[in-house]
Every structure is written in structure tokens, then in C-alpha cells.
């Protein structure tokens, strides 16, 4: 029996799905950063007209998905599947956003790697012939994340130098089984990697080993090298995590001079007090659906390896003295459908 799996962790898609539509919605602080022109909607009020931060997050998801569907020229009813996730307990940002839309729904949790997880599952589903259209939408909100993982904003807690700023944003894509591209050609599914980091305010250090592990698996499985890509984009390692990733790869004999990190791109470290950069599901999702996919459509890049990372911890586990497991998924995106 033939298989589309190569090596230990990678799927090669025989019928690469196309990005038919992609869109993002972000908060005021994100709209004041260097990528402002790449965002579809920038809110003047991070409540998005809602009474709670959690409802605000659901509102972002609904708006981002609606914009992506409009760009794809499709009604929500044409989606065969919806893959969605966020950082909140029981993924309520996503399930409440999907409520009433009548779309078959998969709720996902991969922390800040959730866009990668969603793209992997959606693209493999379409490549397998299980439908023609799939949506992927994820979100994070600074205020809801602070309340869940650290302290409510009213507490006024001090942030450590290694901390990152959770992005208020949502990114959505509509994938089509057929279309003009860009295309998802390969998916390398990450493994849980835990190097014993226990500092919940240093997620970059916790996630960098997972990013290294997945990248090395991708290169081993596919026979590719960093030079086969115009850019290799991590999700939100931030400045410290990015330094650690490059050092880990160097130790294993891999030089990567074409690395970019969404958490370092979305904010201006000189004028916006974000310490080590951005984080959250909405970080890599909004940068991918704006800056990178728009750049590919404009011919700026032809091949990108998108590698969002996630820290799979919780306040309960942290209080119990547990370390922080990391995950990273690699999604190869190309403007060409063939090999």
C-alpha cells in the first residue's frame, strides 16, 4: 500500500490544498506596530464591542473567518470542516465563535502552535479527499490570557525581562482542494519536547528545543536543507527563544541564516514595551495571514516553512512544580503546486 508519509513525522501532500482566502483581525497595540499595513482590521477598542474579554476573543474569530470567506468568495455553509482553537479553558473562544454557524467543528488546543496544528489537519483532510473546503481560525487576547495564565490586569503584576506580550488578534484561512495557491505541500508534525524549563515567564526557552526537534525532523524526512526555503518562520519564540533555537541548530551542524520569528516582527521592541516579543495563538496566525501570505502572492517569497511553537502548560501544572512541554509543527508553503 502506498503512503504519503515520509520519514518519521512528515506527510507529503499529493494534492496540495490552496489558500483560497486568508484574513486577520488585531487589537490597537498590534495596529501600532510595524506590520499595521498587513492587517485587515485593527480595532480601536480591544473589547470589540463586547462585555467580557472572552466574548471579545470570540468576536475576533467570527470577524476574521468572515473576512477570509469573503476573500475566498465562499459562504460559511460551503465549509466542509472548521478547525479552530485558542488559549482559553475548553477552547471557549472558538466554540462560542462557531456557535450558530452550522459548520462541522473540530476544537483544537496546541497553545501558540494551534494555527500550525489546524493547517496540518485541514490540509491532510482535504488532500485525503474528505471535502473541498476547510476553514482554520485561531485567536488570543492579551487580557483573557493574562487572567488565565498569570494575574488579572487589575493586579498590576510586574513582568520579567524574559516575558512576552500575548497578541490580541485572530487569523483565519480558507483552504480549497483546488485553486491557484499558495499551497501547503508538506506537513511535519511535532513531538512533545520537554527540557525541564519551569519558568512560565520564559516560554521562548521552553519552546526552542521543540522547534529545533521539528526542524531537524523535517530536514531529515524530506532531504531538504534551510537553503530550500526563502524563509523559515517560527511562531513566537521571541528574541531569547530565537537565539536559543539558532544555537541548538548550530550545535547539530545546521546553519540557518534565513530565520524570522512572528513574535519579533509584530511589535517594535524600541517603541513598544513587549520585552522579548509577542506570543499567543493570534501572533503567528495574524502575521502569517497578512505579512507572509500577502508577500508570497506579491512574489516576494516562493517557499516558506511556517513553524509555530507552543508551550503546553497550565497554571495548575506550574503550581505543582511541573516543567513546560513544548511543541512545534512545520508547514511547508509554496507558490508552486508541483515538486
Protein backbone atom coordinates (compact mmCIF):
# COMPACT_ATOMS: atom_id res chain seq x y z
CA UNK A 1 0.00 0.00 0.00
CA UNK A 2 1.35 3.43 -0.92
CA UNK A 3 1.72 6.01 1.79
CA UNK A 4 2.07 9.77 1.81
CA UNK A 5 4.21 9.66 4.95
CA UNK A 6 7.98 10.01 4.60
CA UNK A 7 10.47 9.50 7.38
CA UNK A 8 9.16 9.57 10.91
CA UNK A 9 6.98 12.69 11.09
CA UNK A 10 6.28 14.19 7.68
CA UNK A 11 3.33 13.94 5.29
CA UNK A 12 3.87 14.83 1.63
CA UNK A 13 0.58 16.03 0.19
CA UNK A 14 -0.25 14.52 -3.18
CA UNK A 15 -2.88 17.17 -3.89
CA UNK A 16 -1.62 20.27 -2.07
CA UNK A 17 -4.53 22.41 -0.84
CA UNK A 18 -4.63 26.06 -1.84
CA UNK A 19 -5.00 29.15 0.35
CA UNK A 20 -8.25 30.43 -1.15
CA UNK A 21 -8.70 33.18 1.41
CA UNK A 22 -6.91 34.49 4.48
CA UNK A 23 -7.57 37.36 6.84
CA UNK A 24 -6.78 38.74 10.29
CA UNK A 25 -8.18 40.97 12.98
CA UNK A 26 -5.97 42.58 15.64
CA UNK A 27 -6.09 44.93 18.59
CA UNK A 28 -4.98 48.53 18.97
CA UNK A 29 -1.42 47.80 20.18
CA UNK A 30 -0.79 45.41 17.29
CA UNK A 31 -2.08 48.05 14.89
CA UNK A 32 0.53 50.45 16.22
CA UNK A 33 3.36 48.06 15.31
CA UNK A 34 5.45 47.69 12.15
CA UNK A 35 3.04 45.29 10.40
CA UNK A 36 -0.02 47.55 10.59
CA UNK A 37 -0.48 47.68 6.81
CA UNK A 38 -0.79 43.89 6.61
CA UNK A 39 -3.79 43.62 8.94
CA UNK A 40 -7.33 43.51 7.56
CA UNK A 41 -8.99 45.07 10.60
CA UNK A 42 -7.46 46.99 13.50
CA UNK A 43 -9.71 47.63 16.46
CA UNK A 44 -9.73 50.97 18.21
CA UNK A 45 -11.19 49.26 21.27
CA UNK A 46 -9.89 45.84 22.35
CA UNK A 47 -13.31 44.93 23.74
CA UNK A 48 -14.59 44.60 20.16
CA UNK A 49 -17.90 45.88 21.49
CA UNK A 50 -18.35 43.00 23.95
CA UNK A 51 -18.89 42.91 27.71
CA UNK A 52 -16.10 40.43 28.58
CA UNK A 53 -12.62 39.72 27.23
CA UNK A 54 -13.65 36.15 26.40
CA UNK A 55 -16.55 37.38 24.29
CA UNK A 56 -14.15 39.82 22.64
CA UNK A 57 -11.98 36.89 21.57
CA UNK A 58 -14.95 35.08 20.05
CA UNK A 59 -15.89 38.26 18.20
CA UNK A 60 -12.40 38.44 16.71
CA UNK A 61 -12.63 34.87 15.45
CA UNK A 62 -16.02 35.39 13.85
CA UNK A 63 -14.84 38.53 12.09
CA UNK A 64 -11.56 37.00 10.87
CA UNK A 65 -13.30 33.93 9.47
CA UNK A 66 -15.96 36.05 7.80
CA UNK A 67 -13.28 38.18 6.11
CA UNK A 68 -11.38 35.09 4.95
CA UNK A 69 -14.57 33.59 3.50
CA UNK A 70 -15.32 36.85 1.69
CA UNK A 71 -11.85 36.78 0.10
CA UNK A 72 -12.38 33.17 -0.92
CA UNK A 73 -15.79 34.07 -2.36
CA UNK A 74 -17.49 31.37 -0.30
CA UNK A 75 -20.34 31.33 2.21
CA UNK A 76 -19.75 29.66 5.57
CA UNK A 77 -22.18 26.93 4.57
CA UNK A 78 -19.70 25.70 1.94
CA UNK A 79 -17.08 24.78 4.54
CA UNK A 80 -16.89 21.03 4.99
CA UNK A 81 -14.92 21.40 8.22
CA UNK A 82 -13.81 24.10 10.64
CA UNK A 83 -10.64 23.67 12.71
CA UNK A 84 -10.39 26.26 15.47
CA UNK A 85 -8.57 26.91 18.72
CA UNK A 86 -7.48 29.46 21.31
CA UNK A 87 -5.78 29.68 24.70
CA UNK A 88 -8.86 29.67 26.91
CA UNK A 89 -10.06 26.79 29.07
CA UNK A 90 -12.07 24.31 26.99
CA UNK A 91 -11.40 26.48 23.89
CA UNK A 92 -14.49 28.58 24.60
CA UNK A 93 -13.28 31.41 22.38
CA UNK A 94 -13.56 29.07 19.41
CA UNK A 95 -16.65 27.07 20.29
CA UNK A 96 -18.65 30.19 21.11
CA UNK A 97 -17.47 31.81 17.87
CA UNK A 98 -18.61 28.75 15.91
CA UNK A 99 -21.92 28.59 17.74
CA UNK A 100 -24.81 29.13 15.35
CA UNK A 101 -22.69 28.89 12.18
CA UNK A 102 -23.67 25.31 11.42
CA UNK A 103 -20.18 24.15 10.35
CA UNK A 104 -18.78 20.71 11.34
CA UNK A 105 -16.31 21.70 14.04
CA UNK A 106 -13.00 20.44 15.42
CA UNK A 107 -11.84 22.28 18.55
CA UNK A 108 -8.05 22.28 18.87
CA UNK A 109 -5.54 23.11 21.55
CA UNK A 110 -1.87 23.43 20.71
CA UNK A 111 -1.20 26.62 22.67
CA UNK A 112 0.59 29.11 20.41
CA UNK A 113 1.18 26.39 17.79
CA UNK A 114 -2.56 25.98 17.14
CA UNK A 115 -2.51 27.60 13.69
CA UNK A 116 0.10 25.04 12.62
CA UNK A 117 -1.94 22.19 14.06
CA UNK A 118 -5.07 23.44 12.30
CA UNK A 119 -3.31 23.86 8.96
CA UNK A 120 -1.80 20.38 9.25
CA UNK A 121 -5.11 18.67 9.99
CA UNK A 122 -7.12 20.70 7.48
CA UNK A 123 -4.64 20.19 4.64
CA UNK A 124 -4.33 16.43 5.25
CA UNK A 125 -8.12 16.17 5.40
CA UNK A 126 -8.56 17.86 2.03
CA UNK A 127 -5.64 16.02 0.47
CA UNK A 128 -7.28 12.79 1.57
CA UNK A 129 -10.41 13.67 -0.36
CA UNK A 130 -12.57 14.34 2.67
CA UNK A 131 -14.18 17.51 1.39
CA UNK A 132 -13.49 20.50 -0.84
CA UNK A 133 -13.26 23.38 1.64
CA UNK A 134 -11.87 23.75 5.16
CA UNK A 135 -11.53 26.70 7.48
CA UNK A 136 -8.87 27.26 10.13
CA UNK A 137 -9.20 30.06 12.67
CA UNK A 138 -7.36 30.76 15.91
CA UNK A 139 -7.14 33.64 18.35
CA UNK A 140 -5.60 35.02 21.51
CA UNK A 141 -6.33 38.10 23.58
CA UNK A 142 -3.89 39.80 25.91
CA UNK A 143 -6.45 40.40 28.64
CA UNK A 144 -8.04 36.95 28.64
CA UNK A 145 -4.62 35.25 28.56
CA UNK A 146 -3.26 37.36 31.43
CA UNK A 147 -6.26 36.47 33.55
CA UNK A 148 -5.97 32.76 32.80
CA UNK A 149 -2.21 32.20 32.90
CA UNK A 150 -0.91 34.86 35.26
CA UNK A 151 -2.92 37.54 37.05
CA UNK A 152 -5.90 39.73 36.18
CA UNK A 153 -4.83 43.09 34.78
CA UNK A 154 -6.16 44.83 37.88
CA UNK A 155 -3.48 43.08 39.93
CA UNK A 156 -0.74 45.10 38.23
CA UNK A 157 1.88 42.36 38.36
CA UNK A 158 5.46 43.03 37.30
CA UNK A 159 6.60 41.36 34.07
CA UNK A 160 10.00 39.69 33.97
CA UNK A 161 12.60 40.54 31.27
CA UNK A 162 12.05 37.16 29.57
CA UNK A 163 8.28 37.60 29.34
CA UNK A 164 6.42 38.03 26.06
CA UNK A 165 3.29 40.01 25.25
CA UNK A 166 0.24 37.99 24.26
CA UNK A 167 -1.06 39.28 20.94
CA UNK A 168 -4.66 40.40 20.73
CA UNK A 169 -5.51 39.02 17.34
CA UNK A 170 -7.11 36.34 15.23
CA UNK A 171 -6.04 34.80 11.94
CA UNK A 172 -8.21 32.73 9.62
CA UNK A 173 -7.63 30.84 6.39
CA UNK A 174 -9.92 29.07 3.96
CA UNK A 175 -8.26 26.12 2.24
CA UNK A 176 -9.55 24.73 -1.04
CA UNK A 177 -8.84 21.33 -2.55
CA UNK A 178 -8.26 23.11 -5.88
CA UNK A 179 -7.03 26.64 -6.50
CA UNK A 180 -4.22 28.92 -7.68
CA UNK A 181 -2.16 28.80 -4.46
CA UNK A 182 -0.09 29.37 -2.44
CA UNK A 183 -0.18 25.69 -1.49
CA UNK A 184 0.56 23.55 1.54
CA UNK A 185 2.91 20.86 0.22
CA UNK A 186 4.40 19.20 3.32
CA UNK A 187 3.42 18.85 6.96
CA UNK A 188 5.88 17.80 9.67
CA UNK A 189 4.00 17.05 12.87
CA UNK A 190 5.95 17.85 16.01
CA UNK A 191 6.63 15.72 19.05
CA UNK A 192 6.35 16.81 22.65
CA UNK A 193 9.77 18.03 23.79
CA UNK A 194 10.42 18.90 27.44
CA UNK A 195 13.87 20.04 28.59
CA UNK A 196 12.80 20.80 32.15
CA UNK A 197 12.12 24.55 31.89
CA UNK A 198 9.78 25.55 34.73
CA UNK A 199 9.67 29.34 34.38
CA UNK A 200 6.23 30.19 32.94
CA UNK A 201 7.57 33.65 32.11
CA UNK A 202 10.25 32.23 29.82
CA UNK A 203 8.26 30.39 27.17
CA UNK A 204 10.88 31.02 24.49
CA UNK A 205 13.34 28.78 26.34
CA UNK A 206 10.66 26.12 26.79
CA UNK A 207 9.65 26.11 23.10
CA UNK A 208 13.03 26.46 21.35
CA UNK A 209 14.02 22.77 21.82
CA UNK A 210 10.71 21.68 20.24
CA UNK A 211 11.31 23.96 17.26
CA UNK A 212 14.81 22.51 16.86
CA UNK A 213 13.48 18.96 17.05
CA UNK A 214 10.78 19.54 14.42
CA UNK A 215 13.07 21.38 12.03
CA UNK A 216 15.68 18.63 12.21
CA UNK A 217 12.95 16.03 11.62
CA UNK A 218 11.67 17.97 8.61
CA UNK A 219 15.11 18.20 7.04
CA UNK A 220 15.82 14.53 7.75
CA UNK A 221 12.46 13.31 6.43
CA UNK A 222 12.41 15.40 3.26
CA UNK A 223 16.09 15.62 2.41
CA UNK A 224 15.75 19.38 2.32
CA UNK A 225 18.02 21.97 3.92
CA UNK A 226 17.37 25.51 5.14
CA UNK A 227 18.56 26.78 1.74
CA UNK A 228 15.49 25.22 0.08
CA UNK A 229 13.36 27.93 1.69
CA UNK A 230 13.29 31.67 1.26
CA UNK A 231 12.29 31.95 4.90
CA UNK A 232 11.94 29.65 7.88
CA UNK A 233 9.41 31.27 10.18
CA UNK A 234 8.91 30.31 13.82
CA UNK A 235 5.76 31.23 15.65
CA UNK A 236 6.61 33.19 18.74
CA UNK A 237 9.93 32.19 20.21
CA UNK A 238 10.67 35.85 20.71
CA UNK A 239 14.19 37.25 20.86
CA UNK A 240 15.54 34.91 23.55
CA UNK A 241 13.92 31.76 22.16
CA UNK A 242 15.14 32.57 18.66
CA UNK A 243 18.72 32.89 19.89
CA UNK A 244 18.41 29.54 21.65
CA UNK A 245 16.96 27.85 18.54
CA UNK A 246 19.79 29.03 16.29
CA UNK A 247 22.38 27.93 18.85
CA UNK A 248 20.78 24.47 19.21
CA UNK A 249 20.77 24.03 15.44
CA UNK A 250 24.40 25.18 15.17
CA UNK A 251 25.42 22.59 17.74
CA UNK A 252 23.87 19.95 15.48
CA UNK A 253 25.64 21.28 12.41
CA UNK A 254 22.73 23.22 10.86
CA UNK A 255 23.28 26.83 9.88
CA UNK A 256 20.09 28.83 9.36
CA UNK A 257 20.56 32.38 8.10
CA UNK A 258 17.01 32.79 6.76
CA UNK A 259 15.11 32.64 10.06
CA UNK A 260 12.32 35.02 11.05
CA UNK A 261 10.07 34.97 14.10
CA UNK A 262 6.50 36.27 14.19
CA UNK A 263 6.86 37.31 17.83
CA UNK A 264 9.79 39.56 16.89
CA UNK A 265 8.07 41.03 13.83
CA UNK A 266 4.65 42.03 15.13
CA UNK A 267 5.85 44.63 17.65
CA UNK A 268 8.56 47.30 17.62
CA UNK A 269 10.85 46.48 20.58
CA UNK A 270 12.18 50.03 20.65
CA UNK A 271 8.85 51.82 20.97
CA UNK A 272 6.51 49.13 22.34
CA UNK A 273 7.26 47.64 25.75
CA UNK A 274 6.89 43.94 24.95
CA UNK A 275 10.17 42.64 26.45
CA UNK A 276 11.07 39.51 24.41
CA UNK A 277 8.33 39.97 21.80
CA UNK A 278 4.85 38.73 21.02
CA UNK A 279 3.18 35.41 21.78
CA UNK A 280 -0.24 33.76 21.70
CA UNK A 281 -2.19 31.85 19.05
CA UNK A 282 -3.04 35.10 17.33
CA UNK A 283 0.61 36.10 16.95
CA UNK A 284 1.79 33.68 14.25
CA UNK A 285 -1.74 33.45 12.80
CA UNK A 286 -2.08 37.17 12.14
CA UNK A 287 1.47 37.52 10.81
CA UNK A 288 1.06 34.50 8.50
CA UNK A 289 -2.32 35.57 7.14
CA UNK A 290 -1.09 39.09 6.50
CA UNK A 291 2.62 39.70 6.10
CA UNK A 292 3.76 36.32 4.78
CA UNK A 293 0.90 35.11 2.60
CA UNK A 294 0.47 38.58 1.11
CA UNK A 295 4.20 38.62 0.40
CA UNK A 296 4.00 35.26 -1.34
CA UNK A 297 1.13 36.46 -3.51
CA UNK A 298 3.17 39.53 -4.43
CA UNK A 299 6.11 37.34 -5.47
CA UNK A 300 8.39 38.34 -2.60
CA UNK A 301 8.83 34.74 -1.46
CA UNK A 302 8.18 31.42 -3.21
CA UNK A 303 8.84 28.89 -0.43
CA UNK A 304 8.28 29.36 3.29
CA UNK A 305 8.49 26.87 6.14
CA UNK A 306 6.00 28.04 8.77
CA UNK A 307 6.78 26.59 12.22
CA UNK A 308 4.54 27.88 15.02
CA UNK A 309 5.54 26.80 18.51
CA UNK A 310 3.52 26.19 21.66
CA UNK A 311 4.16 25.93 25.41
CA UNK A 312 1.76 23.26 26.68
CA UNK A 313 1.48 24.30 30.29
CA UNK A 314 -1.25 25.47 32.63
CA UNK A 315 -1.35 27.40 35.91
CA UNK A 316 -2.27 24.19 37.74
CA UNK A 317 0.74 22.31 36.39
CA UNK A 318 3.04 25.25 37.13
CA UNK A 319 1.79 25.50 40.73
CA UNK A 320 2.50 21.79 41.10
CA UNK A 321 6.11 22.31 40.06
CA UNK A 322 5.76 20.70 36.62
CA UNK A 323 8.04 21.63 33.74
CA UNK A 324 6.73 23.08 30.47
CA UNK A 325 6.40 20.73 27.45
CA UNK A 326 6.89 22.33 24.04
CA UNK A 327 5.51 21.53 20.58
CA UNK A 328 6.21 22.78 17.07
CA UNK A 329 4.60 21.88 13.75
CA UNK A 330 6.23 22.67 10.39
CA UNK A 331 4.05 23.62 7.40
CA UNK A 332 5.77 23.95 4.01
CA UNK A 333 4.04 26.59 1.86
CA UNK A 334 4.92 27.11 -1.80
CA UNK A 335 3.67 29.19 -4.68
CA UNK A 336 4.15 26.11 -6.88
CA UNK A 337 1.97 23.04 -6.62
CA UNK A 338 4.44 20.57 -8.13
CA UNK A 339 7.61 19.18 -6.63
